[in-house]
Amino acid sequence: MTSQAADGPDSVVASRRSKITPEREREFYDAVLEHIRSCGYESLTMEGVASSTRCSKSTLYRQWRTKPQLVAAALRANRCPRFSGIDTGTLAGDLRAAARAAGEWSGRDSTQLLQGLGHAVTQDRELQQALRDALVEPEVAELREMIQRGVDRGEIAADHPALEFIPAQLLGVLRVRPLLEGQYADEAYLTEFVEAVVLPALGLT
């Protein structure tokens, strides 16, 4: 019995997967996300990804068995908290900085991707969780850290009723403004939103 056979089928799959370099994998993920932003999830095909990245369909299917698995992997690989490192010394300052940071990536990196995924994320649990892992939970965690620092400094009471809605306010307006006004929630808009809506609700200036 060969060592490959002794190790079983899982080791064969792992061996095949290891042939794709991290750089090549990144090319696949970039191609997937670019297509979703430009044309939407529904029009994305494994054949199209293979063609645009000049690889065989079998290469993709060995690595990712289905389109949802490939898209989920691309989303998770794109995980990059934009609010990470923000700490101005005050909760109001942190929220203003978060607004500016969100405005910098609200268009292409966030809103277009959310719009491109559309209805698919409500139908596929793996896609939905991958989207949360990549674009939602990292930012919510950072916002909650900002809030906790504000509570610890005595700037605001821990039981203030508006605190739990801050992530929904900031992340929600990113998604909603394009629908309401046909424009992305850019840095200027989000900063004004924080000043006019979020800070007054918290009793901060």
N, C-alpha and C. Protein backbone atom coordinates (compact mmCIF):
# COMPACT_ATOMS: atom_id res chain seq x y z
N MET A 1 0.84 -1.20 0.00
CA MET A 1 0.00 0.00 0.00
C MET A 1 0.87 1.24 0.00
N THR A 2 0.57 2.19 -0.88
CA THR A 2 1.37 3.41 -0.94
C THR A 2 1.05 4.28 0.25
N SER A 3 1.95 5.22 0.53
CA SER A 3 1.73 6.11 1.66
C SER A 3 0.51 6.99 1.41
N GLN A 4 0.26 7.37 0.13
CA GLN A 4 -0.89 8.19 -0.20
C GLN A 4 -2.17 7.45 0.08
N ALA A 5 -2.21 6.16 -0.30
CA ALA A 5 -3.40 5.36 -0.06
C ALA A 5 -3.60 5.14 1.43
N ALA A 6 -2.51 4.97 2.16
CA ALA A 6 -2.61 4.74 3.59
C ALA A 6 -3.16 5.96 4.31
N ASP A 7 -2.81 7.11 3.80
CA ASP A 7 -3.28 8.33 4.45
C ASP A 7 -4.76 8.57 4.22
N GLY A 8 -5.31 7.99 3.17
CA GLY A 8 -6.73 8.14 2.92
C GLY A 8 -7.04 9.29 1.98
N PRO A 9 -8.32 9.40 1.59
CA PRO A 9 -8.72 10.40 0.59
C PRO A 9 -8.53 11.83 1.05
N ASP A 10 -8.65 12.10 2.36
CA ASP A 10 -8.50 13.47 2.82
C ASP A 10 -7.12 14.01 2.53
N SER A 11 -6.10 13.16 2.65
CA SER A 11 -4.74 13.63 2.38
C SER A 11 -4.54 13.88 0.90
N VAL A 12 -5.25 13.13 0.04
CA VAL A 12 -5.17 13.36 -1.40
C VAL A 12 -5.73 14.73 -1.73
N VAL A 13 -6.89 15.07 -1.14
CA VAL A 13 -7.50 16.37 -1.37
C VAL A 13 -6.58 17.47 -0.87
N ALA A 14 -6.01 17.29 0.33
CA ALA A 14 -5.10 18.29 0.89
C ALA A 14 -3.91 18.49 -0.02
N SER A 15 -3.40 17.36 -0.61
CA SER A 15 -2.26 17.47 -1.51
C SER A 15 -2.62 18.27 -2.74
N ARG A 16 -3.80 18.01 -3.29
CA ARG A 16 -4.24 18.76 -4.47
C ARG A 16 -4.42 20.24 -4.14
N ARG A 17 -5.02 20.53 -2.97
CA ARG A 17 -5.26 21.91 -2.59
C ARG A 17 -3.96 22.67 -2.41
N SER A 18 -2.94 21.98 -1.92
CA SER A 18 -1.68 22.65 -1.62
C SER A 18 -0.95 23.12 -2.88
N LYS A 19 -1.36 22.65 -4.05
CA LYS A 19 -0.69 23.04 -5.28
C LYS A 19 -0.99 24.48 -5.67
N ILE A 20 -2.04 25.06 -5.13
CA ILE A 20 -2.38 26.45 -5.42
C ILE A 20 -1.66 27.34 -4.43
N THR A 21 -0.85 28.24 -4.95
CA THR A 21 -0.09 29.14 -4.07
C THR A 21 -1.01 30.20 -3.48
N PRO A 22 -0.63 30.80 -2.36
CA PRO A 22 -1.44 31.88 -1.78
C PRO A 22 -1.66 33.02 -2.76
N GLU A 23 -0.64 33.31 -3.58
CA GLU A 23 -0.77 34.40 -4.56
C GLU A 23 -1.81 34.05 -5.62
N ARG A 24 -1.80 32.80 -6.06
CA ARG A 24 -2.77 32.36 -7.06
C ARG A 24 -4.18 32.33 -6.47
N GLU A 25 -4.28 31.88 -5.23
CA GLU A 25 -5.57 31.86 -4.55
C GLU A 25 -6.14 33.28 -4.45
N ARG A 26 -5.26 34.23 -4.15
CA ARG A 26 -5.67 35.63 -4.06
C ARG A 26 -6.21 36.12 -5.40
N GLU A 27 -5.62 35.67 -6.51
CA GLU A 27 -6.10 36.04 -7.84
C GLU A 27 -7.53 35.55 -8.05
N PHE A 28 -7.80 34.32 -7.64
CA PHE A 28 -9.14 33.78 -7.77
C PHE A 28 -10.14 34.62 -6.96
N TYR A 29 -9.77 34.90 -5.71
CA TYR A 29 -10.68 35.66 -4.84
C TYR A 29 -10.92 37.06 -5.39
N ASP A 30 -9.88 37.70 -5.86
CA ASP A 30 -10.03 39.05 -6.42
C ASP A 30 -10.96 39.03 -7.64
N ALA A 31 -10.80 38.01 -8.48
CA ALA A 31 -11.64 37.90 -9.68
C ALA A 31 -13.10 37.70 -9.29
N VAL A 32 -13.34 36.88 -8.27
CA VAL A 32 -14.70 36.61 -7.82
C VAL A 32 -15.35 37.89 -7.29
N LEU A 33 -14.67 38.60 -6.40
CA LEU A 33 -15.24 39.79 -5.79
C LEU A 33 -15.43 40.91 -6.82
N GLU A 34 -14.51 41.03 -7.76
CA GLU A 34 -14.63 42.05 -8.79
C GLU A 34 -15.86 41.78 -9.66
N HIS A 35 -16.09 40.52 -9.98
CA HIS A 35 -17.26 40.18 -10.81
C HIS A 35 -18.55 40.48 -10.04
N ILE A 36 -18.58 40.13 -8.76
CA ILE A 36 -19.80 40.37 -7.98
C ILE A 36 -20.08 41.87 -7.90
N ARG A 37 -19.05 42.68 -7.68
CA ARG A 37 -19.25 44.13 -7.62
C ARG A 37 -19.77 44.67 -8.94
N SER A 38 -19.24 44.16 -10.04
CA SER A 38 -19.56 44.71 -11.35
C SER A 38 -20.86 44.16 -11.93
N CYS A 39 -21.09 42.84 -11.76
CA CYS A 39 -22.19 42.19 -12.47
C CYS A 39 -23.18 41.47 -11.58
N GLY A 40 -22.84 41.28 -10.31
CA GLY A 40 -23.75 40.60 -9.40
C GLY A 40 -23.44 39.12 -9.24
N TYR A 41 -23.93 38.59 -8.14
CA TYR A 41 -23.68 37.19 -7.80
C TYR A 41 -24.31 36.22 -8.79
N GLU A 42 -25.52 36.52 -9.22
CA GLU A 42 -26.26 35.58 -10.06
C GLU A 42 -25.53 35.28 -11.37
N SER A 43 -24.82 36.26 -11.91
CA SER A 43 -24.15 36.04 -13.19
C SER A 43 -22.77 35.41 -13.04
N LEU A 44 -22.30 35.28 -11.81
CA LEU A 44 -20.99 34.66 -11.58
C LEU A 44 -21.06 33.16 -11.83
N THR A 45 -20.10 32.64 -12.57
CA THR A 45 -20.02 31.20 -12.81
C THR A 45 -18.59 30.73 -12.57
N MET A 46 -18.46 29.46 -12.24
CA MET A 46 -17.13 28.87 -12.09
C MET A 46 -16.38 28.93 -13.41
N GLU A 47 -17.11 28.75 -14.51
CA GLU A 47 -16.49 28.82 -15.83
C GLU A 47 -15.93 30.21 -16.10
N GLY A 48 -16.69 31.22 -15.70
CA GLY A 48 -16.24 32.59 -15.91
C GLY A 48 -15.00 32.92 -15.09
N VAL A 49 -14.96 32.45 -13.85
CA VAL A 49 -13.78 32.67 -13.01
C VAL A 49 -12.58 31.96 -13.61
N ALA A 50 -12.78 30.73 -14.07
CA ALA A 50 -11.69 29.98 -14.69
C ALA A 50 -11.16 30.71 -15.91
N SER A 51 -12.07 31.25 -16.73
CA SER A 51 -11.64 31.95 -17.94
C SER A 51 -10.87 33.22 -17.61
N SER A 52 -11.39 33.99 -16.67
CA SER A 52 -10.75 35.28 -16.35
C SER A 52 -9.42 35.12 -15.65
N THR A 53 -9.22 33.99 -14.98
CA THR A 53 -7.95 33.76 -14.27
C THR A 53 -7.05 32.78 -15.01
N ARG A 54 -7.51 32.34 -16.18
CA ARG A 54 -6.72 31.45 -17.04
C ARG A 54 -6.32 30.17 -16.32
N CYS A 55 -7.33 29.50 -15.77
CA CYS A 55 -7.09 28.20 -15.17
C CYS A 55 -8.18 27.25 -15.65
N SER A 56 -8.08 25.99 -15.33
CA SER A 56 -9.09 25.03 -15.73
C SER A 56 -10.22 25.01 -14.71
N LYS A 57 -11.41 24.65 -15.18
CA LYS A 57 -12.53 24.53 -14.26
C LYS A 57 -12.25 23.47 -13.21
N SER A 58 -11.56 22.41 -13.60
CA SER A 58 -11.27 21.34 -12.65
C SER A 58 -10.42 21.83 -11.48
N THR A 59 -9.55 22.80 -11.75
CA THR A 59 -8.74 23.37 -10.67
C THR A 59 -9.63 24.02 -9.62
N LEU A 60 -10.61 24.78 -10.08
CA LEU A 60 -11.53 25.45 -9.16
C LEU A 60 -12.40 24.44 -8.42
N TYR A 61 -12.91 23.45 -9.15
CA TYR A 61 -13.80 22.49 -8.52
C TYR A 61 -13.08 21.57 -7.54
N ARG A 62 -11.79 21.34 -7.75
CA ARG A 62 -11.02 20.58 -6.76
C ARG A 62 -10.85 21.37 -5.47
N GLN A 63 -10.67 22.67 -5.62
CA GLN A 63 -10.43 23.53 -4.46
C GLN A 63 -11.73 23.91 -3.75
N TRP A 64 -12.74 24.26 -4.55
CA TRP A 64 -14.03 24.68 -4.01
C TRP A 64 -15.10 23.95 -4.80
N ARG A 65 -15.89 23.16 -4.15
CA ARG A 65 -16.82 22.28 -4.85
C ARG A 65 -17.96 23.02 -5.53
N THR A 66 -18.35 24.18 -4.98
CA THR A 66 -19.49 24.91 -5.52
C THR A 66 -19.20 26.40 -5.58
N LYS A 67 -20.02 27.11 -6.33
CA LYS A 67 -19.89 28.56 -6.40
C LYS A 67 -20.07 29.21 -5.03
N PRO A 68 -21.07 28.85 -4.25
CA PRO A 68 -21.20 29.47 -2.93
C PRO A 68 -19.97 29.26 -2.05
N GLN A 69 -19.35 28.09 -2.13
CA GLN A 69 -18.14 27.84 -1.33
C GLN A 69 -17.00 28.75 -1.77
N LEU A 70 -16.86 28.95 -3.07
CA LEU A 70 -15.80 29.82 -3.58
C LEU A 70 -16.05 31.27 -3.15
N VAL A 71 -17.29 31.73 -3.26
CA VAL A 71 -17.60 33.11 -2.88
C VAL A 71 -17.42 33.30 -1.38
N ALA A 72 -17.84 32.32 -0.59
CA ALA A 72 -17.67 32.41 0.86
C ALA A 72 -16.19 32.49 1.23
N ALA A 73 -15.37 31.71 0.55
CA ALA A 73 -13.92 31.74 0.82
C ALA A 73 -13.33 33.10 0.44
N ALA A 74 -13.80 33.66 -0.69
CA ALA A 74 -13.32 34.97 -1.12
C ALA A 74 -13.70 36.05 -0.13
N LEU A 75 -14.92 35.98 0.38
CA LEU A 75 -15.37 36.96 1.37
C LEU A 75 -14.53 36.89 2.63
N ARG A 76 -14.31 35.69 3.12
CA ARG A 76 -13.53 35.53 4.36
C ARG A 76 -12.09 35.98 4.16
N ALA A 77 -11.53 35.72 2.98
CA ALA A 77 -10.15 36.15 2.72
C ALA A 77 -10.05 37.66 2.64
N ASN A 78 -11.19 38.32 2.38
CA ASN A 78 -11.23 39.77 2.25
C ASN A 78 -11.48 40.46 3.59
N ARG A 79 -11.50 39.69 4.65
CA ARG A 79 -11.79 40.23 5.98
C ARG A 79 -10.69 41.20 6.40
N CYS A 80 -11.07 42.44 6.66
CA CYS A 80 -10.11 43.47 7.03
C CYS A 80 -10.83 44.56 7.82
N PRO A 81 -10.82 44.50 9.15
CA PRO A 81 -11.55 45.50 9.94
C PRO A 81 -11.06 46.91 9.66
N ARG A 82 -11.96 47.76 9.20
CA ARG A 82 -11.60 49.14 8.86
C ARG A 82 -11.54 50.03 10.09
N PHE A 83 -12.21 49.63 11.18
CA PHE A 83 -12.23 50.45 12.38
C PHE A 83 -11.10 50.09 13.34
N SER A 84 -10.31 49.10 12.97
CA SER A 84 -9.23 48.65 13.85
C SER A 84 -8.22 49.77 14.09
N GLY A 85 -7.81 49.93 15.35
CA GLY A 85 -6.78 50.92 15.67
C GLY A 85 -7.30 52.29 16.01
N ILE A 86 -8.60 52.52 15.85
CA ILE A 86 -9.16 53.82 16.19
C ILE A 86 -9.24 53.97 17.71
N ASP A 87 -8.60 54.97 18.25
CA ASP A 87 -8.66 55.24 19.69
C ASP A 87 -8.20 56.68 19.90
N THR A 88 -9.14 57.61 19.85
CA THR A 88 -8.82 59.03 19.94
C THR A 88 -8.79 59.54 21.38
N GLY A 89 -9.27 58.72 22.31
CA GLY A 89 -9.31 59.15 23.71
C GLY A 89 -10.70 59.53 24.18
N THR A 90 -11.65 59.70 23.25
CA THR A 90 -13.04 59.98 23.60
C THR A 90 -13.96 59.17 22.71
N LEU A 91 -15.15 58.86 23.21
CA LEU A 91 -16.11 58.11 22.40
C LEU A 91 -16.57 58.94 21.21
N ALA A 92 -16.82 60.23 21.43
CA ALA A 92 -17.24 61.09 20.32
C ALA A 92 -16.16 61.13 19.24
N GLY A 93 -14.91 61.25 19.64
CA GLY A 93 -13.81 61.27 18.68
C GLY A 93 -13.69 59.96 17.93
N ASP A 94 -13.88 58.85 18.65
CA ASP A 94 -13.80 57.54 18.01
C ASP A 94 -14.90 57.37 16.96
N LEU A 95 -16.11 57.82 17.29
CA LEU A 95 -17.23 57.67 16.35
C LEU A 95 -17.04 58.56 15.13
N ARG A 96 -16.50 59.75 15.32
CA ARG A 96 -16.18 60.60 14.16
C ARG A 96 -15.13 59.93 13.27
N ALA A 97 -14.10 59.35 13.90
CA ALA A 97 -13.05 58.67 13.14
C ALA A 97 -13.60 57.45 12.42
N ALA A 98 -14.51 56.74 13.08
CA ALA A 98 -15.15 55.58 12.45
C ALA A 98 -15.96 56.01 11.24
N ALA A 99 -16.63 57.16 11.34
CA ALA A 99 -17.41 57.67 10.21
C ALA A 99 -16.50 57.97 9.03
N ARG A 100 -15.36 58.59 9.31
CA ARG A 100 -14.42 58.90 8.22
C ARG A 100 -13.88 57.62 7.59
N ALA A 101 -13.53 56.64 8.44
CA ALA A 101 -13.00 55.38 7.92
C ALA A 101 -14.05 54.65 7.08
N ALA A 102 -15.28 54.63 7.56
CA ALA A 102 -16.35 53.96 6.81
C ALA A 102 -16.59 54.64 5.47
N GLY A 103 -16.50 55.97 5.46
CA GLY A 103 -16.71 56.70 4.22
C GLY A 103 -15.68 56.39 3.16
N GLU A 104 -14.47 56.04 3.59
CA GLU A 104 -13.40 55.75 2.64
C GLU A 104 -13.63 54.45 1.89
N TRP A 105 -14.32 53.49 2.51
CA TRP A 105 -14.52 52.19 1.83
C TRP A 105 -15.98 51.88 1.55
N SER A 106 -16.86 52.85 1.75
CA SER A 106 -18.29 52.56 1.62
C SER A 106 -18.72 52.25 0.20
N GLY A 107 -18.04 52.80 -0.79
CA GLY A 107 -18.47 52.61 -2.16
C GLY A 107 -18.10 51.25 -2.72
N ARG A 108 -16.94 51.17 -3.29
CA ARG A 108 -16.52 49.96 -3.97
C ARG A 108 -16.35 48.77 -3.03
N ASP A 109 -15.72 48.98 -1.88
CA ASP A 109 -15.37 47.86 -1.03
C ASP A 109 -16.56 47.28 -0.29
N SER A 110 -17.52 48.08 0.04
CA SER A 110 -18.62 47.61 0.88
C SER A 110 -19.95 47.59 0.15
N THR A 111 -20.44 48.76 -0.21
CA THR A 111 -21.80 48.86 -0.74
C THR A 111 -21.96 48.09 -2.05
N GLN A 112 -21.01 48.23 -2.96
CA GLN A 112 -21.12 47.50 -4.23
C GLN A 112 -21.13 46.00 -4.01
N LEU A 113 -20.33 45.55 -3.06
CA LEU A 113 -20.28 44.11 -2.79
C LEU A 113 -21.60 43.63 -2.19
N LEU A 114 -22.14 44.38 -1.25
CA LEU A 114 -23.43 44.02 -0.66
C LEU A 114 -24.53 44.02 -1.71
N GLN A 115 -24.53 45.03 -2.57
CA GLN A 115 -25.55 45.10 -3.61
C GLN A 115 -25.39 43.95 -4.59
N GLY A 116 -24.15 43.61 -4.91
CA GLY A 116 -23.90 42.53 -5.85
C GLY A 116 -24.33 41.17 -5.33
N LEU A 117 -24.18 40.96 -4.02
CA LEU A 117 -24.59 39.69 -3.43
C LEU A 117 -26.10 39.58 -3.36
N GLY A 118 -26.74 40.72 -3.09
CA GLY A 118 -28.20 40.80 -3.15
C GLY A 118 -28.93 39.69 -2.42
N HIS A 119 -29.86 39.09 -3.13
CA HIS A 119 -30.77 38.10 -2.56
C HIS A 119 -30.06 36.81 -2.18
N ALA A 120 -28.90 36.55 -2.77
CA ALA A 120 -28.22 35.27 -2.55
C ALA A 120 -27.88 35.03 -1.10
N VAL A 121 -27.51 36.09 -0.37
CA VAL A 121 -27.10 35.89 1.02
C VAL A 121 -28.27 35.51 1.91
N THR A 122 -29.49 35.76 1.48
CA THR A 122 -30.65 35.35 2.28
C THR A 122 -31.02 33.90 2.01
N GLN A 123 -30.48 33.32 0.94
CA GLN A 123 -30.82 31.96 0.55
C GLN A 123 -29.76 30.94 0.95
N ASP A 124 -28.54 31.38 1.17
CA ASP A 124 -27.44 30.46 1.45
C ASP A 124 -26.81 30.82 2.80
N ARG A 125 -26.91 29.93 3.76
CA ARG A 125 -26.41 30.23 5.11
C ARG A 125 -24.90 30.41 5.14
N GLU A 126 -24.19 29.63 4.33
CA GLU A 126 -22.74 29.75 4.32
C GLU A 126 -22.33 31.12 3.80
N LEU A 127 -22.98 31.58 2.74
CA LEU A 127 -22.70 32.91 2.20
C LEU A 127 -23.03 33.99 3.22
N GLN A 128 -24.17 33.84 3.87
CA GLN A 128 -24.60 34.83 4.85
C GLN A 128 -23.59 34.93 6.00
N GLN A 129 -23.13 33.78 6.50
CA GLN A 129 -22.16 33.80 7.59
C GLN A 129 -20.82 34.35 7.13
N ALA A 130 -20.42 34.02 5.91
CA ALA A 130 -19.16 34.53 5.38
C ALA A 130 -19.21 36.05 5.25
N LEU A 131 -20.37 36.57 4.83
CA LEU A 131 -20.52 38.02 4.73
C LEU A 131 -20.43 38.67 6.11
N ARG A 132 -21.05 38.04 7.09
CA ARG A 132 -20.96 38.55 8.45
C ARG A 132 -19.51 38.50 8.95
N ASP A 133 -18.83 37.39 8.67
CA ASP A 133 -17.43 37.25 9.09
C ASP A 133 -16.55 38.32 8.48
N ALA A 134 -16.82 38.66 7.22
CA ALA A 134 -15.91 39.55 6.48
C ALA A 134 -16.22 41.02 6.68
N LEU A 135 -17.50 41.38 6.64
CA LEU A 135 -17.86 42.80 6.57
C LEU A 135 -18.65 43.32 7.76
N VAL A 136 -19.22 42.45 8.56
CA VAL A 136 -20.11 42.92 9.62
C VAL A 136 -19.49 42.75 11.00
N GLU A 137 -19.22 41.51 11.38
CA GLU A 137 -18.78 41.24 12.75
C GLU A 137 -17.47 41.93 13.13
N PRO A 138 -16.48 42.01 12.24
CA PRO A 138 -15.24 42.73 12.64
C PRO A 138 -15.50 44.19 12.98
N GLU A 139 -16.38 44.85 12.20
CA GLU A 139 -16.66 46.26 12.45
C GLU A 139 -17.51 46.44 13.71
N VAL A 140 -18.47 45.55 13.90
CA VAL A 140 -19.30 45.62 15.10
C VAL A 140 -18.45 45.42 16.35
N ALA A 141 -17.52 44.48 16.30
CA ALA A 141 -16.64 44.23 17.44
C ALA A 141 -15.81 45.47 17.78
N GLU A 142 -15.29 46.14 16.74
CA GLU A 142 -14.50 47.35 16.98
C GLU A 142 -15.36 48.47 17.56
N LEU A 143 -16.59 48.62 17.05
CA LEU A 143 -17.49 49.64 17.59
C LEU A 143 -17.83 49.37 19.05
N ARG A 144 -18.04 48.11 19.37
CA ARG A 144 -18.36 47.78 20.76
C ARG A 144 -17.17 48.04 21.69
N GLU A 145 -15.97 47.86 21.17
CA GLU A 145 -14.79 48.20 21.97
C GLU A 145 -14.72 49.71 22.23
N MET A 146 -15.03 50.51 21.21
CA MET A 146 -15.07 51.96 21.39
C MET A 146 -16.07 52.33 22.48
N ILE A 147 -17.25 51.73 22.39
CA ILE A 147 -18.29 52.02 23.36
C ILE A 147 -17.84 51.64 24.77
N GLN A 148 -17.24 50.46 24.90
CA GLN A 148 -16.80 50.01 26.22
C GLN A 148 -15.75 50.94 26.81
N ARG A 149 -14.85 51.44 25.96
CA ARG A 149 -13.85 52.39 26.46
C ARG A 149 -14.54 53.67 26.95
N GLY A 150 -15.56 54.11 26.23
CA GLY A 150 -16.30 55.29 26.65
C GLY A 150 -17.00 55.07 27.98
N VAL A 151 -17.55 53.88 28.16
CA VAL A 151 -18.19 53.54 29.43
C VAL A 151 -17.15 53.51 30.54
N ASP A 152 -16.02 52.88 30.27
CA ASP A 152 -14.96 52.77 31.29
C ASP A 152 -14.41 54.13 31.70
N ARG A 153 -14.40 55.08 30.75
CA ARG A 153 -13.91 56.43 31.07
C ARG A 153 -14.98 57.28 31.76
N GLY A 154 -16.19 56.76 31.87
CA GLY A 154 -17.26 57.49 32.51
C GLY A 154 -17.93 58.51 31.61
N GLU A 155 -17.72 58.40 30.30
CA GLU A 155 -18.34 59.35 29.37
C GLU A 155 -19.83 59.10 29.19
N ILE A 156 -20.24 57.86 29.38
CA ILE A 156 -21.63 57.50 29.14
C ILE A 156 -21.97 56.31 30.02
N ALA A 157 -23.21 56.23 30.44
CA ALA A 157 -23.65 55.13 31.30
C ALA A 157 -23.73 53.83 30.51
N ALA A 158 -23.35 52.75 31.15
CA ALA A 158 -23.36 51.45 30.48
C ALA A 158 -24.76 51.03 30.05
N ASP A 159 -25.78 51.53 30.75
CA ASP A 159 -27.15 51.14 30.41
C ASP A 159 -27.87 52.18 29.55
N HIS A 160 -27.12 53.08 28.93
CA HIS A 160 -27.74 54.07 28.05
C HIS A 160 -28.45 53.33 26.92
N PRO A 161 -29.74 53.58 26.70
CA PRO A 161 -30.52 52.79 25.74
C PRO A 161 -30.07 52.92 24.29
N ALA A 162 -29.34 53.99 23.95
CA ALA A 162 -28.95 54.18 22.55
C ALA A 162 -27.68 53.41 22.17
N LEU A 163 -26.93 52.93 23.17
CA LEU A 163 -25.64 52.31 22.88
C LEU A 163 -25.75 51.10 21.97
N GLU A 164 -26.73 50.25 22.21
CA GLU A 164 -26.81 49.01 21.43
C GLU A 164 -27.15 49.25 19.97
N PHE A 165 -27.63 50.46 19.64
CA PHE A 165 -28.04 50.73 18.26
C PHE A 165 -26.96 51.41 17.43
N ILE A 166 -25.82 51.73 18.02
CA ILE A 166 -24.77 52.42 17.27
C ILE A 166 -24.31 51.61 16.06
N PRO A 167 -23.98 50.32 16.19
CA PRO A 167 -23.57 49.57 15.00
C PRO A 167 -24.65 49.56 13.91
N ALA A 168 -25.90 49.40 14.32
CA ALA A 168 -26.98 49.39 13.32
C ALA A 168 -27.09 50.74 12.63
N GLN A 169 -26.87 51.82 13.37
CA GLN A 169 -26.95 53.15 12.77
C GLN A 169 -25.85 53.35 11.74
N LEU A 170 -24.62 53.10 12.14
CA LEU A 170 -23.48 53.38 11.25
C LEU A 170 -23.44 52.43 10.05
N LEU A 171 -23.62 51.14 10.31
CA LEU A 171 -23.55 50.18 9.21
C LEU A 171 -24.82 50.21 8.37
N GLY A 172 -25.94 50.50 9.01
CA GLY A 172 -27.19 50.54 8.26
C GLY A 172 -27.24 51.67 7.26
N VAL A 173 -26.73 52.84 7.63
CA VAL A 173 -26.79 53.98 6.71
C VAL A 173 -25.90 53.74 5.49
N LEU A 174 -24.86 52.94 5.63
CA LEU A 174 -24.03 52.59 4.48
C LEU A 174 -24.85 51.88 3.41
N ARG A 175 -25.74 51.01 3.85
CA ARG A 175 -26.55 50.22 2.92
C ARG A 175 -27.74 51.01 2.40
N VAL A 176 -28.32 51.86 3.25
CA VAL A 176 -29.59 52.49 2.92
C VAL A 176 -29.45 53.71 2.02
N ARG A 177 -28.41 54.53 2.21
CA ARG A 177 -28.34 55.76 1.43
C ARG A 177 -28.37 55.52 -0.09
N PRO A 178 -27.66 54.52 -0.62
CA PRO A 178 -27.76 54.30 -2.07
C PRO A 178 -29.18 54.02 -2.53
N LEU A 179 -29.97 53.35 -1.68
CA LEU A 179 -31.35 53.06 -2.06
C LEU A 179 -32.22 54.31 -2.00
N LEU A 180 -31.98 55.15 -1.01
CA LEU A 180 -32.82 56.34 -0.82
C LEU A 180 -32.46 57.48 -1.76
N GLU A 181 -31.14 57.68 -1.96
CA GLU A 181 -30.69 58.87 -2.67
C GLU A 181 -29.84 58.58 -3.89
N GLY A 182 -29.53 57.31 -4.13
CA GLY A 182 -28.72 56.97 -5.29
C GLY A 182 -27.28 57.39 -5.17
N GLN A 183 -26.80 57.58 -3.95
CA GLN A 183 -25.42 57.96 -3.70
C GLN A 183 -24.86 57.13 -2.56
N TYR A 184 -23.54 56.90 -2.61
CA TYR A 184 -22.90 56.18 -1.52
C TYR A 184 -22.83 57.08 -0.28
N ALA A 185 -22.80 56.46 0.88
CA ALA A 185 -22.60 57.20 2.12
C ALA A 185 -21.12 57.49 2.27
N ASP A 186 -20.67 58.62 1.73
CA ASP A 186 -19.26 58.95 1.73
C ASP A 186 -18.83 59.55 3.07
N GLU A 187 -17.58 59.96 3.14
CA GLU A 187 -17.02 60.46 4.39
C GLU A 187 -17.78 61.68 4.91
N ALA A 188 -18.09 62.63 4.04
CA ALA A 188 -18.79 63.84 4.46
C ALA A 188 -20.18 63.50 4.99
N TYR A 189 -20.89 62.64 4.29
CA TYR A 189 -22.24 62.28 4.71
C TYR A 189 -22.23 61.56 6.05
N LEU A 190 -21.32 60.60 6.21
CA LEU A 190 -21.28 59.83 7.46
C LEU A 190 -20.84 60.69 8.64
N THR A 191 -19.91 61.59 8.40
CA THR A 191 -19.48 62.49 9.48
C THR A 191 -20.64 63.36 9.92
N GLU A 192 -21.39 63.90 8.97
CA GLU A 192 -22.55 64.72 9.31
C GLU A 192 -23.61 63.89 10.02
N PHE A 193 -23.77 62.65 9.60
CA PHE A 193 -24.74 61.75 10.23
C PHE A 193 -24.38 61.52 11.70
N VAL A 194 -23.11 61.29 11.96
CA VAL A 194 -22.67 61.09 13.34
C VAL A 194 -22.91 62.34 14.18
N GLU A 195 -22.57 63.50 13.61
CA GLU A 195 -22.74 64.75 14.34
C GLU A 195 -24.21 65.07 14.61
N ALA A 196 -25.06 64.81 13.63
CA ALA A 196 -26.46 65.22 13.73
C ALA A 196 -27.36 64.20 14.40
N VAL A 197 -26.98 62.92 14.33
CA VAL A 197 -27.88 61.87 14.80
C VAL A 197 -27.28 61.04 15.94
N VAL A 198 -26.08 60.50 15.71
CA VAL A 198 -25.53 59.55 16.67
C VAL A 198 -25.11 60.23 17.97
N LEU A 199 -24.31 61.27 17.87
CA LEU A 199 -23.82 61.93 19.09
C LEU A 199 -24.96 62.54 19.92
N PRO A 200 -25.92 63.26 19.32
CA PRO A 200 -27.03 63.78 20.12
C PRO A 200 -27.82 62.68 20.82
N ALA A 201 -28.00 61.55 20.15
CA ALA A 201 -28.73 60.45 20.77
C ALA A 201 -28.02 59.92 22.00
N LEU A 202 -26.68 60.04 22.00
CA LEU A 202 -25.88 59.58 23.14
C LEU A 202 -25.68 60.68 24.18
N GLY A 203 -26.10 61.90 23.86
CA GLY A 203 -25.86 63.01 24.78
C GLY A 203 -24.43 63.47 24.77
N LEU A 204 -23.73 63.26 23.65
CA LEU A 204 -22.33 63.65 23.52
C LEU A 204 -22.21 64.83 22.56
N THR A 205 -21.14 65.62 22.73
CA THR A 205 -20.90 66.74 21.82
C THR A 205 -19.51 66.62 21.25
